[in-house]
Amino acid sequence: MPKLKKVTFSNKVTKIGATVFNTTPLLETVIFEGSTPPTFESATLHSGTTPNTFKIYVPDSAVETYKA
């Protein structure tokens, strides 16, 4: 997955593991289709000690829910 630039999680995804983004250094965009945010394991959005920098898109009606 090192060349992965975009990933979409369907509304059926309920949990995202801690190492899911560890081998995706080129990742630019993450899209969540569900209105309810999935559960994230600790450090999911970090690769090692450096946070990943990618854009996250969610449904307009769920922005506040994802922020919380």
N, C-alpha and C. Protein backbone atom coordinates (compact mmCIF):
# COMPACT_ATOMS: atom_id res chain seq x y z
N MET A 1 0.79 -1.21 0.00
CA MET A 1 0.00 0.00 0.00
C MET A 1 0.83 1.27 0.00
N PRO A 2 2.13 1.23 -0.18
CA PRO A 2 2.93 2.44 -0.12
C PRO A 2 2.56 3.49 -1.17
N LYS A 3 1.94 3.09 -2.27
CA LYS A 3 1.59 4.05 -3.31
C LYS A 3 0.14 4.54 -3.21
N LEU A 4 -0.59 4.09 -2.21
CA LEU A 4 -1.98 4.47 -2.03
C LEU A 4 -2.08 5.97 -1.76
N LYS A 5 -2.92 6.66 -2.54
CA LYS A 5 -3.09 8.11 -2.37
C LYS A 5 -4.47 8.48 -1.83
N LYS A 6 -5.46 7.59 -2.03
CA LYS A 6 -6.82 7.91 -1.61
C LYS A 6 -7.49 6.63 -1.13
N VAL A 7 -8.24 6.75 -0.03
CA VAL A 7 -8.98 5.61 0.49
C VAL A 7 -10.37 6.08 0.93
N THR A 8 -11.36 5.24 0.65
CA THR A 8 -12.74 5.53 1.04
C THR A 8 -13.22 4.43 1.97
N PHE A 9 -13.76 4.83 3.11
CA PHE A 9 -14.35 3.88 4.06
C PHE A 9 -15.87 3.98 3.94
N SER A 10 -16.51 2.87 3.65
CA SER A 10 -17.96 2.86 3.50
C SER A 10 -18.64 3.09 4.85
N ASN A 11 -19.93 3.28 4.81
CA ASN A 11 -20.68 3.50 6.05
C ASN A 11 -20.78 2.24 6.89
N LYS A 12 -20.31 1.12 6.39
CA LYS A 12 -20.33 -0.14 7.13
C LYS A 12 -19.10 -0.32 8.02
N VAL A 13 -18.07 0.50 7.84
CA VAL A 13 -16.86 0.40 8.65
C VAL A 13 -17.14 0.98 10.03
N THR A 14 -16.88 0.18 11.06
CA THR A 14 -17.17 0.63 12.43
C THR A 14 -15.91 0.80 13.28
N LYS A 15 -14.79 0.23 12.83
CA LYS A 15 -13.55 0.32 13.61
C LYS A 15 -12.36 0.35 12.67
N ILE A 16 -11.36 1.18 12.99
CA ILE A 16 -10.14 1.29 12.19
C ILE A 16 -8.96 1.02 13.11
N GLY A 17 -8.14 0.07 12.71
CA GLY A 17 -7.01 -0.37 13.53
C GLY A 17 -5.88 0.63 13.63
N ALA A 18 -5.03 0.42 14.61
CA ALA A 18 -3.96 1.36 14.93
C ALA A 18 -2.90 1.47 13.85
N THR A 19 -2.70 0.45 13.06
CA THR A 19 -1.60 0.48 12.08
C THR A 19 -2.08 0.62 10.64
N VAL A 20 -3.34 0.92 10.44
CA VAL A 20 -3.89 0.94 9.08
C VAL A 20 -3.19 1.93 8.15
N PHE A 21 -2.69 3.03 8.65
CA PHE A 21 -2.04 4.04 7.80
C PHE A 21 -0.51 4.02 7.90
N ASN A 22 0.06 3.06 8.57
CA ASN A 22 1.52 3.04 8.78
C ASN A 22 2.33 2.88 7.51
N THR A 23 1.79 2.25 6.50
CA THR A 23 2.56 2.01 5.26
C THR A 23 1.99 2.79 4.09
N THR A 24 1.43 3.95 4.37
CA THR A 24 0.83 4.77 3.31
C THR A 24 1.41 6.18 3.31
N PRO A 25 2.70 6.33 3.04
CA PRO A 25 3.34 7.64 3.13
C PRO A 25 2.84 8.64 2.09
N LEU A 26 2.23 8.18 1.01
CA LEU A 26 1.75 9.08 -0.04
C LEU A 26 0.27 9.39 0.08
N LEU A 27 -0.38 8.90 1.12
CA LEU A 27 -1.81 9.10 1.30
C LEU A 27 -2.14 10.59 1.36
N GLU A 28 -3.09 11.01 0.52
CA GLU A 28 -3.49 12.42 0.45
C GLU A 28 -4.92 12.65 0.91
N THR A 29 -5.79 11.64 0.71
CA THR A 29 -7.22 11.83 0.95
C THR A 29 -7.83 10.61 1.62
N VAL A 30 -8.61 10.85 2.69
CA VAL A 30 -9.38 9.80 3.35
C VAL A 30 -10.83 10.26 3.36
N ILE A 31 -11.71 9.40 2.85
CA ILE A 31 -13.14 9.73 2.78
C ILE A 31 -13.91 8.76 3.66
N PHE A 32 -14.73 9.30 4.54
CA PHE A 32 -15.63 8.50 5.36
C PHE A 32 -17.04 8.74 4.86
N GLU A 33 -17.74 7.68 4.46
CA GLU A 33 -19.09 7.81 3.92
C GLU A 33 -20.16 7.74 4.99
N GLY A 34 -19.82 7.23 6.17
CA GLY A 34 -20.81 7.05 7.22
C GLY A 34 -21.10 8.31 8.01
N SER A 35 -22.32 8.40 8.50
CA SER A 35 -22.72 9.54 9.33
C SER A 35 -22.18 9.40 10.75
N THR A 36 -21.91 8.18 11.16
CA THR A 36 -21.34 7.92 12.48
C THR A 36 -19.87 7.59 12.31
N PRO A 37 -18.99 8.31 12.99
CA PRO A 37 -17.55 8.04 12.86
C PRO A 37 -17.21 6.64 13.36
N PRO A 38 -16.28 5.98 12.69
CA PRO A 38 -15.82 4.68 13.21
C PRO A 38 -14.99 4.89 14.47
N THR A 39 -14.80 3.85 15.22
CA THR A 39 -13.93 3.88 16.39
C THR A 39 -12.49 3.74 15.90
N PHE A 40 -11.61 4.57 16.43
CA PHE A 40 -10.19 4.52 16.06
C PHE A 40 -9.39 3.94 17.22
N GLU A 41 -8.52 3.00 16.91
CA GLU A 41 -7.60 2.52 17.93
C GLU A 41 -6.54 3.60 18.16
N SER A 42 -5.86 3.52 19.26
CA SER A 42 -4.83 4.50 19.62
C SER A 42 -3.81 4.67 18.51
N ALA A 43 -3.46 5.90 18.20
CA ALA A 43 -2.42 6.26 17.22
C ALA A 43 -2.76 5.90 15.79
N THR A 44 -4.03 5.70 15.47
CA THR A 44 -4.42 5.33 14.10
C THR A 44 -3.94 6.35 13.09
N LEU A 45 -4.04 7.61 13.40
CA LEU A 45 -3.72 8.66 12.43
C LEU A 45 -2.26 9.08 12.48
N HIS A 46 -1.41 8.28 13.09
CA HIS A 46 0.02 8.55 13.14
C HIS A 46 0.79 7.41 12.50
N SER A 47 1.88 7.75 11.87
CA SER A 47 2.78 6.75 11.31
C SER A 47 4.07 6.82 12.10
N GLY A 48 4.26 5.90 13.00
CA GLY A 48 5.42 5.99 13.88
C GLY A 48 5.24 7.14 14.83
N THR A 49 6.19 8.07 14.84
CA THR A 49 6.09 9.22 15.73
C THR A 49 5.64 10.47 14.99
N THR A 50 5.43 10.37 13.68
CA THR A 50 5.05 11.53 12.88
C THR A 50 3.59 11.44 12.44
N PRO A 51 2.77 12.46 12.73
CA PRO A 51 1.39 12.43 12.27
C PRO A 51 1.33 12.43 10.74
N ASN A 52 0.39 11.66 10.19
CA ASN A 52 0.14 11.71 8.75
C ASN A 52 -0.53 13.03 8.43
N THR A 53 -0.31 13.53 7.24
CA THR A 53 -0.96 14.77 6.82
C THR A 53 -1.76 14.48 5.56
N PHE A 54 -3.05 14.26 5.74
CA PHE A 54 -3.93 14.03 4.63
C PHE A 54 -5.27 14.70 4.93
N LYS A 55 -6.02 14.96 3.87
CA LYS A 55 -7.34 15.59 4.03
C LYS A 55 -8.35 14.51 4.34
N ILE A 56 -9.28 14.85 5.24
CA ILE A 56 -10.34 13.93 5.62
C ILE A 56 -11.67 14.56 5.20
N TYR A 57 -12.47 13.76 4.49
CA TYR A 57 -13.79 14.21 4.05
C TYR A 57 -14.85 13.34 4.70
N VAL A 58 -15.92 13.99 5.17
CA VAL A 58 -17.04 13.29 5.79
C VAL A 58 -18.33 13.90 5.23
N PRO A 59 -19.47 13.22 5.41
CA PRO A 59 -20.73 13.80 4.94
C PRO A 59 -20.99 15.15 5.62
N ASP A 60 -21.53 16.10 4.87
CA ASP A 60 -21.78 17.44 5.41
C ASP A 60 -22.60 17.39 6.70
N SER A 61 -23.57 16.49 6.75
CA SER A 61 -24.46 16.40 7.92
C SER A 61 -23.74 15.82 9.14
N ALA A 62 -22.54 15.28 8.96
CA ALA A 62 -21.84 14.62 10.06
C ALA A 62 -20.58 15.34 10.52
N VAL A 63 -20.32 16.52 10.00
CA VAL A 63 -19.07 17.22 10.31
C VAL A 63 -18.91 17.42 11.82
N GLU A 64 -19.92 17.91 12.48
CA GLU A 64 -19.83 18.18 13.92
C GLU A 64 -19.65 16.89 14.72
N THR A 65 -20.28 15.82 14.27
CA THR A 65 -20.15 14.53 14.95
C THR A 65 -18.71 14.03 14.85
N TYR A 66 -18.10 14.16 13.68
CA TYR A 66 -16.71 13.74 13.51
C TYR A 66 -15.77 14.64 14.31
N LYS A 67 -16.04 15.92 14.38
CA LYS A 67 -15.18 16.81 15.14
C LYS A 67 -15.18 16.46 16.63
N ALA A 68 -16.35 16.07 17.12
CA ALA A 68 -16.49 15.73 18.55
C ALA A 68 -15.70 14.47 18.83
